[in-house]
Amino acid sequence: MGLQYPRELIDPVIVEVNRAIGLADIIILIPLFIIAVIGLWRLKFYGALASWMVLGTSLYWPVIFCSNQYFYDQAGIKHQPTPMSNNVILTLILIFLSGQVGIYSRIIGGLSSCTFHSLMA
């Protein structure tokens, strides 16, 4: 995402933007991931919610990266081309997400017969 490339091959703005993204990941994503792991380990509903948030964030960043690449091209900003592996990974994440949407709809359908108190127990 820019940090692994030599600084002279990319615009300095890209390096600083990616440093900010890395800091946001440390502040938000790592604690959220820890909450998800603990909640799933204890079989709590908040674990499932946190894991879906982690999944959403994991999908969000590759889309941001692809969007950045497009706008860097449009603005004439010096950057490295997107490797094919990024496109493959994004495609696999989208396939996984479509499966998660199916699972989520089954869970919501099953929840309609449950009470709120049984979910929080």
PDB file of N, CA and C in Angstrom:
ATOM      1  N   MET A   1       0.805  -1.194   0.000  1.00  0.00           N
ATOM      2  CA  MET A   1       0.000   0.000   0.000  1.00  0.00           C
ATOM      3  C   MET A   1       0.852   1.263   0.000  1.00  0.00           C
ATOM      4  N   GLY A   2       2.075   1.147  -0.383  1.00  0.00           N
ATOM      5  CA  GLY A   2       2.891   2.330  -0.487  1.00  0.00           C
ATOM      6  C   GLY A   2       4.064   2.340   0.464  1.00  0.00           C
ATOM      7  N   LEU A   3       3.935   1.706   1.608  1.00  0.00           N
ATOM      8  CA  LEU A   3       5.027   1.717   2.572  1.00  0.00           C
ATOM      9  C   LEU A   3       6.165   0.790   2.159  1.00  0.00           C
ATOM     10  N   GLN A   4       5.871  -0.227   1.351  1.00  0.00           N
ATOM     11  CA  GLN A   4       6.894  -1.183   0.952  1.00  0.00           C
ATOM     12  C   GLN A   4       7.674  -0.736  -0.282  1.00  0.00           C
ATOM     13  N   TYR A   5       7.257   0.324  -0.938  1.00  0.00           N
ATOM     14  CA  TYR A   5       7.939   0.807  -2.126  1.00  0.00           C
ATOM     15  C   TYR A   5       9.027   1.811  -1.741  1.00  0.00           C
ATOM     16  N   PRO A   6      10.091   1.904  -2.531  1.00  0.00           N
ATOM     17  CA  PRO A   6      11.091   2.944  -2.268  1.00  0.00           C
ATOM     18  C   PRO A   6      10.454   4.332  -2.373  1.00  0.00           C
ATOM     19  N   ARG A   7      10.801   5.209  -1.471  1.00  0.00           N
ATOM     20  CA  ARG A   7      10.175   6.539  -1.412  1.00  0.00           C
ATOM     21  C   ARG A   7      10.352   7.334  -2.700  1.00  0.00           C
ATOM     22  N   GLU A   8      11.454   7.105  -3.425  1.00  0.00           N
ATOM     23  CA  GLU A   8      11.677   7.898  -4.643  1.00  0.00           C
ATOM     24  C   GLU A   8      10.787   7.451  -5.805  1.00  0.00           C
ATOM     25  N   LEU A   9      10.112   6.302  -5.683  1.00  0.00           N
ATOM     26  CA  LEU A   9       9.243   5.828  -6.758  1.00  0.00           C
ATOM     27  C   LEU A   9       7.796   6.282  -6.618  1.00  0.00           C
ATOM     28  N   ILE A  10       7.448   6.840  -5.463  1.00  0.00           N
ATOM     29  CA  ILE A  10       6.064   7.275  -5.245  1.00  0.00           C
ATOM     30  C   ILE A  10       6.047   8.688  -4.684  1.00  0.00           C
ATOM     31  N   ASP A  11       4.908   9.319  -4.787  1.00  0.00           N
ATOM     32  CA  ASP A  11       4.731  10.664  -4.274  1.00  0.00           C
ATOM     33  C   ASP A  11       4.774  10.643  -2.741  1.00  0.00           C
ATOM     34  N   PRO A  12       5.416  11.613  -2.102  1.00  0.00           N
ATOM     35  CA  PRO A  12       5.486  11.634  -0.633  1.00  0.00           C
ATOM     36  C   PRO A  12       4.115  11.682   0.051  1.00  0.00           C
ATOM     37  N   VAL A  13       3.123  12.241  -0.620  1.00  0.00           N
ATOM     38  CA  VAL A  13       1.779  12.295  -0.043  1.00  0.00           C
ATOM     39  C   VAL A  13       1.234  10.890   0.172  1.00  0.00           C
ATOM     40  N   ILE A  14       1.510   9.980  -0.768  1.00  0.00           N
ATOM     41  CA  ILE A  14       1.019   8.603  -0.648  1.00  0.00           C
ATOM     42  C   ILE A  14       1.593   7.949   0.608  1.00  0.00           C
ATOM     43  N   VAL A  15       2.870   8.181   0.876  1.00  0.00           N
ATOM     44  CA  VAL A  15       3.508   7.602   2.063  1.00  0.00           C
ATOM     45  C   VAL A  15       2.808   8.099   3.321  1.00  0.00           C
ATOM     46  N   GLU A  16       2.543   9.390   3.393  1.00  0.00           N
ATOM     47  CA  GLU A  16       1.922   9.957   4.594  1.00  0.00           C
ATOM     48  C   GLU A  16       0.481   9.487   4.764  1.00  0.00           C
ATOM     49  N   VAL A  17      -0.272   9.378   3.667  1.00  0.00           N
ATOM     50  CA  VAL A  17      -1.642   8.866   3.746  1.00  0.00           C
ATOM     51  C   VAL A  17      -1.630   7.428   4.259  1.00  0.00           C
ATOM     52  N   ASN A  18      -0.716   6.621   3.762  1.00  0.00           N
ATOM     53  CA  ASN A  18      -0.656   5.228   4.192  1.00  0.00           C
ATOM     54  C   ASN A  18      -0.185   5.090   5.639  1.00  0.00           C
ATOM     55  N   ARG A  19       0.642   6.003   6.103  1.00  0.00           N
ATOM     56  CA  ARG A  19       1.011   5.995   7.524  1.00  0.00           C
ATOM     57  C   ARG A  19      -0.218   6.273   8.379  1.00  0.00           C
ATOM     58  N   ALA A  20      -1.071   7.187   7.941  1.00  0.00           N
ATOM     59  CA  ALA A  20      -2.301   7.495   8.679  1.00  0.00           C
ATOM     60  C   ALA A  20      -3.243   6.295   8.692  1.00  0.00           C
ATOM     61  N   ILE A  21      -3.334   5.597   7.568  1.00  0.00           N
ATOM     62  CA  ILE A  21      -4.179   4.402   7.504  1.00  0.00           C
ATOM     63  C   ILE A  21      -3.652   3.343   8.465  1.00  0.00           C
ATOM     64  N   GLY A  22      -2.339   3.173   8.520  1.00  0.00           N
ATOM     65  CA  GLY A  22      -1.750   2.204   9.444  1.00  0.00           C
ATOM     66  C   GLY A  22      -2.045   2.554  10.890  1.00  0.00           C
ATOM     67  N   LEU A  23      -1.981   3.825  11.232  1.00  0.00           N
ATOM     68  CA  LEU A  23      -2.296   4.247  12.591  1.00  0.00           C
ATOM     69  C   LEU A  23      -3.763   3.974  12.915  1.00  0.00           C
ATOM     70  N   ALA A  24      -4.651   4.245  11.967  1.00  0.00           N
ATOM     71  CA  ALA A  24      -6.073   3.964  12.176  1.00  0.00           C
ATOM     72  C   ALA A  24      -6.305   2.471  12.403  1.00  0.00           C
ATOM     73  N   ASP A  25      -5.590   1.632  11.666  1.00  0.00           N
ATOM     74  CA  ASP A  25      -5.709   0.185  11.876  1.00  0.00           C
ATOM     75  C   ASP A  25      -5.295  -0.207  13.285  1.00  0.00           C
ATOM     76  N   ILE A  26      -4.226   0.391  13.781  1.00  0.00           N
ATOM     77  CA  ILE A  26      -3.751   0.056  15.123  1.00  0.00           C
ATOM     78  C   ILE A  26      -4.760   0.511  16.176  1.00  0.00           C
ATOM     79  N   ILE A  27      -5.303   1.697  16.011  1.00  0.00           N
ATOM     80  CA  ILE A  27      -6.217   2.254  17.008  1.00  0.00           C
ATOM     81  C   ILE A  27      -7.578   1.564  16.982  1.00  0.00           C
ATOM     82  N   ILE A  28      -8.095   1.239  15.813  1.00  0.00           N
ATOM     83  CA  ILE A  28      -9.451   0.713  15.686  1.00  0.00           C
ATOM     84  C   ILE A  28      -9.485  -0.801  15.473  1.00  0.00           C
ATOM     85  N   LEU A  29      -8.774  -1.282  14.479  1.00  0.00           N
ATOM     86  CA  LEU A  29      -8.953  -2.660  14.034  1.00  0.00           C
ATOM     87  C   LEU A  29      -8.386  -3.687  15.003  1.00  0.00           C
ATOM     88  N   ILE A  30      -7.236  -3.442  15.574  1.00  0.00           N
ATOM     89  CA  ILE A  30      -6.643  -4.433  16.475  1.00  0.00           C
ATOM     90  C   ILE A  30      -7.501  -4.630  17.729  1.00  0.00           C
ATOM     91  N   PRO A  31      -7.932  -3.570  18.425  1.00  0.00           N
ATOM     92  CA  PRO A  31      -8.822  -3.815  19.571  1.00  0.00           C
ATOM     93  C   PRO A  31     -10.132  -4.487  19.176  1.00  0.00           C
ATOM     94  N   LEU A  32     -10.686  -4.103  18.031  1.00  0.00           N
ATOM     95  CA  LEU A  32     -11.925  -4.727  17.564  1.00  0.00           C
ATOM     96  C   LEU A  32     -11.715  -6.212  17.284  1.00  0.00           C
ATOM     97  N   PHE A  33     -10.580  -6.552  16.709  1.00  0.00           N
ATOM     98  CA  PHE A  33     -10.254  -7.955  16.451  1.00  0.00           C
ATOM     99  C   PHE A  33     -10.134  -8.728  17.761  1.00  0.00           C
ATOM    100  N   ILE A  34      -9.501  -8.133  18.759  1.00  0.00           N
ATOM    101  CA  ILE A  34      -9.355  -8.800  20.066  1.00  0.00           C
ATOM    102  C   ILE A  34     -10.729  -9.025  20.702  1.00  0.00           C
ATOM    103  N   ILE A  35     -11.609  -8.026  20.614  1.00  0.00           N
ATOM    104  CA  ILE A  35     -12.976  -8.187  21.130  1.00  0.00           C
ATOM    105  C   ILE A  35     -13.691  -9.310  20.400  1.00  0.00           C
ATOM    106  N   ALA A  36     -13.521  -9.383  19.085  1.00  0.00           N
ATOM    107  CA  ALA A  36     -14.163 -10.440  18.300  1.00  0.00           C
ATOM    108  C   ALA A  36     -13.656 -11.816  18.717  1.00  0.00           C
ATOM    109  N   VAL A  37     -12.358 -11.956  18.886  1.00  0.00           N
ATOM    110  CA  VAL A  37     -11.798 -13.255  19.268  1.00  0.00           C
ATOM    111  C   VAL A  37     -12.311 -13.680  20.639  1.00  0.00           C
ATOM    112  N   ILE A  38     -12.293 -12.760  21.600  1.00  0.00           N
ATOM    113  CA  ILE A  38     -12.767 -13.096  22.951  1.00  0.00           C
ATOM    114  C   ILE A  38     -14.250 -13.442  22.925  1.00  0.00           C
ATOM    115  N   GLY A  39     -15.042 -12.633  22.219  1.00  0.00           N
ATOM    116  CA  GLY A  39     -16.480 -12.895  22.142  1.00  0.00           C
ATOM    117  C   GLY A  39     -16.811 -14.203  21.446  1.00  0.00           C
ATOM    118  N   LEU A  40     -16.112 -14.512  20.367  1.00  0.00           N
ATOM    119  CA  LEU A  40     -16.357 -15.781  19.678  1.00  0.00           C
ATOM    120  C   LEU A  40     -15.891 -16.960  20.521  1.00  0.00           C
ATOM    121  N   TRP A  41     -14.783 -16.786  21.231  1.00  0.00           N
ATOM    122  CA  TRP A  41     -14.272 -17.849  22.103  1.00  0.00           C
ATOM    123  C   TRP A  41     -15.291 -18.178  23.196  1.00  0.00           C
ATOM    124  N   ARG A  42     -15.969 -17.148  23.702  1.00  0.00           N
ATOM    125  CA  ARG A  42     -16.967 -17.331  24.753  1.00  0.00           C
ATOM    126  C   ARG A  42     -18.367 -17.596  24.203  1.00  0.00           C
ATOM    127  N   LEU A  43     -18.486 -17.673  22.867  1.00  0.00           N
ATOM    128  CA  LEU A  43     -19.753 -17.911  22.174  1.00  0.00           C
ATOM    129  C   LEU A  43     -20.799 -16.842  22.505  1.00  0.00           C
ATOM    130  N   LYS A  44     -20.366 -15.596  22.507  1.00  0.00           N
ATOM    131  CA  LYS A  44     -21.258 -14.472  22.773  1.00  0.00           C
ATOM    132  C   LYS A  44     -21.618 -13.772  21.471  1.00  0.00           C
ATOM    133  N   PHE A  45     -22.798 -13.165  21.470  1.00  0.00           N
ATOM    134  CA  PHE A  45     -23.294 -12.490  20.278  1.00  0.00           C
ATOM    135  C   PHE A  45     -22.416 -11.296  19.915  1.00  0.00           C
ATOM    136  N   TYR A  46     -21.869 -10.585  20.914  1.00  0.00           N
ATOM    137  CA  TYR A  46     -21.013  -9.440  20.613  1.00  0.00           C
ATOM    138  C   TYR A  46     -19.758  -9.874  19.860  1.00  0.00           C
ATOM    139  N   GLY A  47     -19.338 -11.136  20.035  1.00  0.00           N
ATOM    140  CA  GLY A  47     -18.209 -11.657  19.271  1.00  0.00           C
ATOM    141  C   GLY A  47     -18.529 -11.739  17.790  1.00  0.00           C
ATOM    142  N   ALA A  48     -19.743 -12.191  17.488  1.00  0.00           N
ATOM    143  CA  ALA A  48     -20.169 -12.249  16.086  1.00  0.00           C
ATOM    144  C   ALA A  48     -20.263 -10.840  15.497  1.00  0.00           C
ATOM    145  N   LEU A  49     -20.840  -9.912  16.258  1.00  0.00           N
ATOM    146  CA  LEU A  49     -20.951  -8.536  15.772  1.00  0.00           C
ATOM    147  C   LEU A  49     -19.573  -7.922  15.515  1.00  0.00           C
ATOM    148  N   ALA A  50     -18.659  -8.107  16.457  1.00  0.00           N
ATOM    149  CA  ALA A  50     -17.314  -7.548  16.291  1.00  0.00           C
ATOM    150  C   ALA A  50     -16.604  -8.195  15.110  1.00  0.00           C
ATOM    151  N   SER A  51     -16.803  -9.499  14.919  1.00  0.00           N
ATOM    152  CA  SER A  51     -16.146 -10.160  13.788  1.00  0.00           C
ATOM    153  C   SER A  51     -16.700  -9.662  12.458  1.00  0.00           C
ATOM    154  N   TRP A  52     -17.992  -9.338  12.409  1.00  0.00           N
ATOM    155  CA  TRP A  52     -18.559  -8.769  11.184  1.00  0.00           C
ATOM    156  C   TRP A  52     -18.007  -7.367  10.946  1.00  0.00           C
ATOM    157  N   MET A  53     -17.758  -6.624  12.021  1.00  0.00           N
ATOM    158  CA  MET A  53     -17.145  -5.299  11.873  1.00  0.00           C
ATOM    159  C   MET A  53     -15.723  -5.420  11.328  1.00  0.00           C
ATOM    160  N   VAL A  54     -14.985  -6.410  11.832  1.00  0.00           N
ATOM    161  CA  VAL A  54     -13.628  -6.645  11.332  1.00  0.00           C
ATOM    162  C   VAL A  54     -13.684  -7.032   9.858  1.00  0.00           C
ATOM    163  N   LEU A  55     -14.635  -7.884   9.495  1.00  0.00           N
ATOM    164  CA  LEU A  55     -14.781  -8.273   8.094  1.00  0.00           C
ATOM    165  C   LEU A  55     -15.103  -7.062   7.226  1.00  0.00           C
ATOM    166  N   GLY A  56     -16.003  -6.214   7.693  1.00  0.00           N
ATOM    167  CA  GLY A  56     -16.351  -5.015   6.932  1.00  0.00           C
ATOM    168  C   GLY A  56     -15.161  -4.089   6.741  1.00  0.00           C
ATOM    169  N   THR A  57     -14.374  -3.926   7.792  1.00  0.00           N
ATOM    170  CA  THR A  57     -13.183  -3.092   7.703  1.00  0.00           C
ATOM    171  C   THR A  57     -12.154  -3.733   6.777  1.00  0.00           C
ATOM    172  N   SER A  58     -12.046  -5.049   6.842  1.00  0.00           N
ATOM    173  CA  SER A  58     -11.101  -5.759   5.975  1.00  0.00           C
ATOM    174  C   SER A  58     -11.484  -5.612   4.513  1.00  0.00           C
ATOM    175  N   LEU A  59     -12.763  -5.502   4.237  1.00  0.00           N
ATOM    176  CA  LEU A  59     -13.212  -5.272   2.866  1.00  0.00           C
ATOM    177  C   LEU A  59     -13.040  -3.810   2.470  1.00  0.00           C
ATOM    178  N   TYR A  60     -13.241  -2.926   3.409  1.00  0.00           N
ATOM    179  CA  TYR A  60     -13.193  -1.487   3.142  1.00  0.00           C
ATOM    180  C   TYR A  60     -11.816  -1.045   2.650  1.00  0.00           C
ATOM    181  N   TRP A  61     -10.742  -1.517   3.290  1.00  0.00           N
ATOM    182  CA  TRP A  61      -9.410  -1.035   2.936  1.00  0.00           C
ATOM    183  C   TRP A  61      -8.963  -1.436   1.535  1.00  0.00           C
ATOM    184  N   PRO A  62      -9.204  -2.669   1.061  1.00  0.00           N
ATOM    185  CA  PRO A  62      -8.827  -2.952  -0.335  1.00  0.00           C
ATOM    186  C   PRO A  62      -9.596  -2.101  -1.350  1.00  0.00           C
ATOM    187  N   VAL A  63     -10.849  -1.795  -1.025  1.00  0.00           N
ATOM    188  CA  VAL A  63     -11.623  -0.930  -1.923  1.00  0.00           C
ATOM    189  C   VAL A  63     -11.041   0.481  -1.921  1.00  0.00           C
ATOM    190  N   ILE A  64     -10.631   0.964  -0.750  1.00  0.00           N
ATOM    191  CA  ILE A  64      -9.971   2.270  -0.660  1.00  0.00           C
ATOM    192  C   ILE A  64      -8.688   2.259  -1.488  1.00  0.00           C
ATOM    193  N   PHE A  65      -7.918   1.175  -1.373  1.00  0.00           N
ATOM    194  CA  PHE A  65      -6.663   1.087  -2.117  1.00  0.00           C
ATOM    195  C   PHE A  65      -6.921   1.159  -3.619  1.00  0.00           C
ATOM    196  N   CYS A  66      -7.895   0.395  -4.113  1.00  0.00           N
ATOM    197  CA  CYS A  66      -8.200   0.420  -5.547  1.00  0.00           C
ATOM    198  C   CYS A  66      -8.693   1.796  -5.980  1.00  0.00           C
ATOM    199  N   SER A  67      -9.490   2.436  -5.132  1.00  0.00           N
ATOM    200  CA  SER A  67      -9.971   3.790  -5.445  1.00  0.00           C
ATOM    201  C   SER A  67      -8.817   4.779  -5.482  1.00  0.00           C
ATOM    202  N   ASN A  68      -7.911   4.661  -4.512  1.00  0.00           N
ATOM    203  CA  ASN A  68      -6.742   5.544  -4.506  1.00  0.00           C
ATOM    204  C   ASN A  68      -5.945   5.413  -5.796  1.00  0.00           C
ATOM    205  N   GLN A  69      -5.720   4.175  -6.222  1.00  0.00           N
ATOM    206  CA  GLN A  69      -4.949   3.953  -7.437  1.00  0.00           C
ATOM    207  C   GLN A  69      -5.613   4.641  -8.638  1.00  0.00           C
ATOM    208  N   TYR A  70      -6.927   4.527  -8.727  1.00  0.00           N
ATOM    209  CA  TYR A  70      -7.657   5.160  -9.828  1.00  0.00           C
ATOM    210  C   TYR A  70      -7.480   6.682  -9.792  1.00  0.00           C
ATOM    211  N   PHE A  71      -7.677   7.275  -8.623  1.00  0.00           N
ATOM    212  CA  PHE A  71      -7.584   8.731  -8.521  1.00  0.00           C
ATOM    213  C   PHE A  71      -6.147   9.225  -8.637  1.00  0.00           C
ATOM    214  N   TYR A  72      -5.170   8.430  -8.199  1.00  0.00           N
ATOM    215  CA  TYR A  72      -3.772   8.810  -8.417  1.00  0.00           C
ATOM    216  C   TYR A  72      -3.485   8.886  -9.914  1.00  0.00           C
ATOM    217  N   ASP A  73      -3.986   7.910 -10.675  1.00  0.00           N
ATOM    218  CA  ASP A  73      -3.814   7.941 -12.128  1.00  0.00           C
ATOM    219  C   ASP A  73      -4.457   9.187 -12.732  1.00  0.00           C
ATOM    220  N   GLN A  74      -5.680   9.486 -12.292  1.00  0.00           N
ATOM    221  CA  GLN A  74      -6.406  10.635 -12.836  1.00  0.00           C
ATOM    222  C   GLN A  74      -5.698  11.956 -12.541  1.00  0.00           C
ATOM    223  N   ALA A  75      -5.069  12.051 -11.364  1.00  0.00           N
ATOM    224  CA  ALA A  75      -4.414  13.297 -10.962  1.00  0.00           C
ATOM    225  C   ALA A  75      -2.952  13.373 -11.397  1.00  0.00           C
ATOM    226  N   GLY A  76      -2.438  12.301 -11.983  1.00  0.00           N
ATOM    227  CA  GLY A  76      -1.060  12.298 -12.419  1.00  0.00           C
ATOM    228  C   GLY A  76      -0.055  12.177 -11.284  1.00  0.00           C
ATOM    229  N   ILE A  77      -0.480  11.606 -10.152  1.00  0.00           N
ATOM    230  CA  ILE A  77       0.407  11.427  -9.008  1.00  0.00           C
ATOM    231  C   ILE A  77       1.263  10.187  -9.230  1.00  0.00           C
ATOM    232  N   LYS A  78       2.544  10.318  -8.941  1.00  0.00           N
ATOM    233  CA  LYS A  78       3.488   9.219  -9.142  1.00  0.00           C
ATOM    234  C   LYS A  78       3.209   8.106  -8.125  1.00  0.00           C
ATOM    235  N   HIS A  79       2.938   6.877  -8.617  1.00  0.00           N
ATOM    236  CA  HIS A  79       2.662   5.745  -7.743  1.00  0.00           C
ATOM    237  C   HIS A  79       3.028   4.445  -8.451  1.00  0.00           C
ATOM    238  N   GLN A  80       3.108   3.390  -7.692  1.00  0.00           N
ATOM    239  CA  GLN A  80       3.375   2.064  -8.255  1.00  0.00           C
ATOM    240  C   GLN A  80       2.059   1.474  -8.780  1.00  0.00           C
ATOM    241  N   PRO A  81       2.104   0.690  -9.842  1.00  0.00           N
ATOM    242  CA  PRO A  81       0.876   0.069 -10.344  1.00  0.00           C
ATOM    243  C   PRO A  81       0.358  -0.986  -9.362  1.00  0.00           C
ATOM    244  N   THR A  82      -0.939  -1.245  -9.432  1.00  0.00           N
ATOM    245  CA  THR A  82      -1.554  -2.245  -8.560  1.00  0.00           C
ATOM    246  C   THR A  82      -1.135  -3.640  -8.999  1.00  0.00           C
ATOM    247  N   PRO A  83      -0.544  -4.428  -8.096  1.00  0.00           N
ATOM    248  CA  PRO A  83      -0.187  -5.793  -8.471  1.00  0.00           C
ATOM    249  C   PRO A  83      -1.440  -6.650  -8.659  1.00  0.00           C
ATOM    250  N   MET A  84      -1.345  -7.658  -9.508  1.00  0.00           N
ATOM    251  CA  MET A  84      -2.477  -8.538  -9.772  1.00  0.00           C
ATOM    252  C   MET A  84      -2.917  -9.264  -8.501  1.00  0.00           C
ATOM    253  N   SER A  85      -1.981  -9.533  -7.586  1.00  0.00           N
ATOM    254  CA  SER A  85      -2.345 -10.243  -6.352  1.00  0.00           C
ATOM    255  C   SER A  85      -3.374  -9.454  -5.541  1.00  0.00           C
ATOM    256  N   ASN A  86      -3.322  -8.121  -5.571  1.00  0.00           N
ATOM    257  CA  ASN A  86      -4.326  -7.318  -4.857  1.00  0.00           C
ATOM    258  C   ASN A  86      -5.714  -7.552  -5.428  1.00  0.00           C
ATOM    259  N   ASN A  87      -5.828  -7.621  -6.742  1.00  0.00           N
ATOM    260  CA  ASN A  87      -7.131  -7.866  -7.367  1.00  0.00           C
ATOM    261  C   ASN A  87      -7.658  -9.254  -7.037  1.00  0.00           C
ATOM    262  N   VAL A  88      -6.763 -10.234  -6.987  1.00  0.00           N
ATOM    263  CA  VAL A  88      -7.178 -11.601  -6.641  1.00  0.00           C
ATOM    264  C   VAL A  88      -7.677 -11.644  -5.205  1.00  0.00           C
ATOM    265  N   ILE A  89      -6.944 -11.013  -4.291  1.00  0.00           N
ATOM    266  CA  ILE A  89      -7.345 -11.004  -2.884  1.00  0.00           C
ATOM    267  C   ILE A  89      -8.677 -10.288  -2.706  1.00  0.00           C
ATOM    268  N   LEU A  90      -8.871  -9.154  -3.374  1.00  0.00           N
ATOM    269  CA  LEU A  90     -10.135  -8.436  -3.275  1.00  0.00           C
ATOM    270  C   LEU A  90     -11.282  -9.281  -3.801  1.00  0.00           C
ATOM    271  N   THR A  91     -11.070 -10.002  -4.887  1.00  0.00           N
ATOM    272  CA  THR A  91     -12.109 -10.885  -5.423  1.00  0.00           C
ATOM    273  C   THR A  91     -12.462 -11.979  -4.428  1.00  0.00           C
ATOM    274  N   LEU A  92     -11.457 -12.586  -3.793  1.00  0.00           N
ATOM    275  CA  LEU A  92     -11.718 -13.633  -2.800  1.00  0.00           C
ATOM    276  C   LEU A  92     -12.469 -13.077  -1.591  1.00  0.00           C
ATOM    277  N   ILE A  93     -12.125 -11.867  -1.168  1.00  0.00           N
ATOM    278  CA  ILE A  93     -12.841 -11.245  -0.054  1.00  0.00           C
ATOM    279  C   ILE A  93     -14.301 -11.007  -0.433  1.00  0.00           C
ATOM    280  N   LEU A  94     -14.558 -10.544  -1.658  1.00  0.00           N
ATOM    281  CA  LEU A  94     -15.936 -10.317  -2.093  1.00  0.00           C
ATOM    282  C   LEU A  94     -16.729 -11.618  -2.152  1.00  0.00           C
ATOM    283  N   ILE A  95     -16.099 -12.699  -2.591  1.00  0.00           N
ATOM    284  CA  ILE A  95     -16.764 -14.005  -2.605  1.00  0.00           C
ATOM    285  C   ILE A  95     -17.089 -14.437  -1.178  1.00  0.00           C
ATOM    286  N   PHE A  96     -16.129 -14.274  -0.265  1.00  0.00           N
ATOM    287  CA  PHE A  96     -16.349 -14.629   1.126  1.00  0.00           C
ATOM    288  C   PHE A  96     -17.468 -13.780   1.728  1.00  0.00           C
ATOM    289  N   LEU A  97     -17.477 -12.487   1.407  1.00  0.00           N
ATOM    290  CA  LEU A  97     -18.497 -11.600   1.942  1.00  0.00           C
ATOM    291  C   LEU A  97     -19.888 -12.001   1.458  1.00  0.00           C
ATOM    292  N   SER A  98     -20.001 -12.413   0.207  1.00  0.00           N
ATOM    293  CA  SER A  98     -21.314 -12.831  -0.294  1.00  0.00           C
ATOM    294  C   SER A  98     -21.812 -14.053   0.481  1.00  0.00           C
ATOM    295  N   GLY A  99     -20.916 -14.951   0.862  1.00  0.00           N
ATOM    296  CA  GLY A  99     -21.303 -16.083   1.699  1.00  0.00           C
ATOM    297  C   GLY A  99     -21.729 -15.635   3.085  1.00  0.00           C
ATOM    298  N   GLN A 100     -21.037 -14.625   3.629  1.00  0.00           N
ATOM    299  CA  GLN A 100     -21.386 -14.107   4.951  1.00  0.00           C
ATOM    300  C   GLN A 100     -22.764 -13.461   4.938  1.00  0.00           C
ATOM    301  N   VAL A 101     -23.119 -12.800   3.849  1.00  0.00           N
ATOM    302  CA  VAL A 101     -24.440 -12.189   3.758  1.00  0.00           C
ATOM    303  C   VAL A 101     -25.509 -13.268   3.809  1.00  0.00           C
ATOM    304  N   GLY A 102     -25.265 -14.405   3.151  1.00  0.00           N
ATOM    305  CA  GLY A 102     -26.207 -15.522   3.212  1.00  0.00           C
ATOM    306  C   GLY A 102     -26.337 -16.076   4.625  1.00  0.00           C
ATOM    307  N   ILE A 103     -25.226 -16.224   5.312  1.00  0.00           N
ATOM    308  CA  ILE A 103     -25.250 -16.713   6.688  1.00  0.00           C
ATOM    309  C   ILE A 103     -25.971 -15.719   7.587  1.00  0.00           C
ATOM    310  N   TYR A 104     -25.678 -14.431   7.393  1.00  0.00           N
ATOM    311  CA  TYR A 104     -26.307 -13.388   8.206  1.00  0.00           C
ATOM    312  C   TYR A 104     -27.823 -13.401   8.019  1.00  0.00           C
ATOM    313  N   SER A 105     -28.292 -13.562   6.785  1.00  0.00           N
ATOM    314  CA  SER A 105     -29.735 -13.570   6.555  1.00  0.00           C
ATOM    315  C   SER A 105     -30.389 -14.786   7.202  1.00  0.00           C
ATOM    316  N   ARG A 106     -29.681 -15.911   7.247  1.00  0.00           N
ATOM    317  CA  ARG A 106     -30.218 -17.088   7.946  1.00  0.00           C
ATOM    318  C   ARG A 106     -30.287 -16.841   9.443  1.00  0.00           C
ATOM    319  N   ILE A 107     -29.264 -16.178   9.985  1.00  0.00           N
ATOM    320  CA  ILE A 107     -29.259 -15.889  11.419  1.00  0.00           C
ATOM    321  C   ILE A 107     -30.403 -14.951  11.763  1.00  0.00           C
ATOM    322  N   ILE A 108     -30.567 -13.897  10.980  1.00  0.00           N
ATOM    323  CA  ILE A 108     -31.644 -12.939  11.240  1.00  0.00           C
ATOM    324  C   ILE A 108     -33.002 -13.624  11.111  1.00  0.00           C
ATOM    325  N   GLY A 109     -33.157 -14.495  10.124  1.00  0.00           N
ATOM    326  CA  GLY A 109     -34.404 -15.238   9.976  1.00  0.00           C
ATOM    327  C   GLY A 109     -34.663 -16.131  11.183  1.00  0.00           C
ATOM    328  N   GLY A 110     -33.599 -16.743  11.710  1.00  0.00           N
ATOM    329  CA  GLY A 110     -33.741 -17.593  12.893  1.00  0.00           C
ATOM    330  C   GLY A 110     -33.973 -16.782  14.150  1.00  0.00           C
ATOM    331  N   LEU A 111     -33.517 -15.547  14.166  1.00  0.00           N
ATOM    332  CA  LEU A 111     -33.670 -14.718  15.354  1.00  0.00           C
ATOM    333  C   LEU A 111     -35.098 -14.234  15.530  1.00  0.00           C
ATOM    334  N   SER A 112     -35.871 -14.227  14.459  1.00  0.00           N
ATOM    335  CA  SER A 112     -37.225 -13.707  14.577  1.00  0.00           C
ATOM    336  C   SER A 112     -38.069 -14.554  15.518  1.00  0.00           C
ATOM    337  N   SER A 113     -37.698 -15.831  15.691  1.00  0.00           N
ATOM    338  CA  SER A 113     -38.467 -16.681  16.600  1.00  0.00           C
ATOM    339  C   SER A 113     -37.893 -16.665  18.015  1.00  0.00           C
ATOM    340  N   CYS A 114     -36.757 -16.015  18.206  1.00  0.00           N
ATOM    341  CA  CYS A 114     -36.115 -15.951  19.525  1.00  0.00           C
ATOM    342  C   CYS A 114     -36.543 -14.687  20.251  1.00  0.00           C
ATOM    343  N   THR A 115     -36.343 -14.707  21.537  1.00  0.00           N
ATOM    344  CA  THR A 115     -36.573 -13.504  22.311  1.00  0.00           C
ATOM    345  C   THR A 115     -35.266 -12.766  22.519  1.00  0.00           C
ATOM    346  N   PHE A 116     -35.339 -11.500  22.835  1.00  0.00           N
ATOM    347  CA  PHE A 116     -34.139 -10.699  23.055  1.00  0.00           C
ATOM    348  C   PHE A 116     -33.337 -11.243  24.246  1.00  0.00           C
ATOM    349  N   HIS A 117     -34.036 -11.677  25.281  1.00  0.00           N
ATOM    350  CA  HIS A 117     -33.348 -12.156  26.480  1.00  0.00           C
ATOM    351  C   HIS A 117     -32.563 -13.439  26.220  1.00  0.00           C
ATOM    352  N   SER A 118     -33.048 -14.284  25.332  1.00  0.00           N
ATOM    353  CA  SER A 118     -32.307 -15.524  25.038  1.00  0.00           C
ATOM    354  C   SER A 118     -31.039 -15.224  24.247  1.00  0.00           C
ATOM    355  N   LEU A 119     -31.023 -14.126  23.477  1.00  0.00           N
ATOM    356  CA  LEU A 119     -29.827 -13.752  22.724  1.00  0.00           C
ATOM    357  C   LEU A 119     -28.726 -13.258  23.645  1.00  0.00           C
ATOM    358  N   MET A 120     -29.083 -12.542  24.666  1.00  0.00           N
ATOM    359  CA  MET A 120     -28.113 -11.931  25.552  1.00  0.00           C
ATOM    360  C   MET A 120     -27.645 -12.872  26.661  1.00  0.00           C
ATOM    361  N   ALA A 121     -28.231 -14.014  26.762  1.00  0.00           N
ATOM    362  CA  ALA A 121     -27.841 -14.970  27.829  1.00  0.00           C
ATOM    363  C   ALA A 121     -26.522 -15.631  27.529  1.00  0.00           C
TER     364      ALA A 121
END
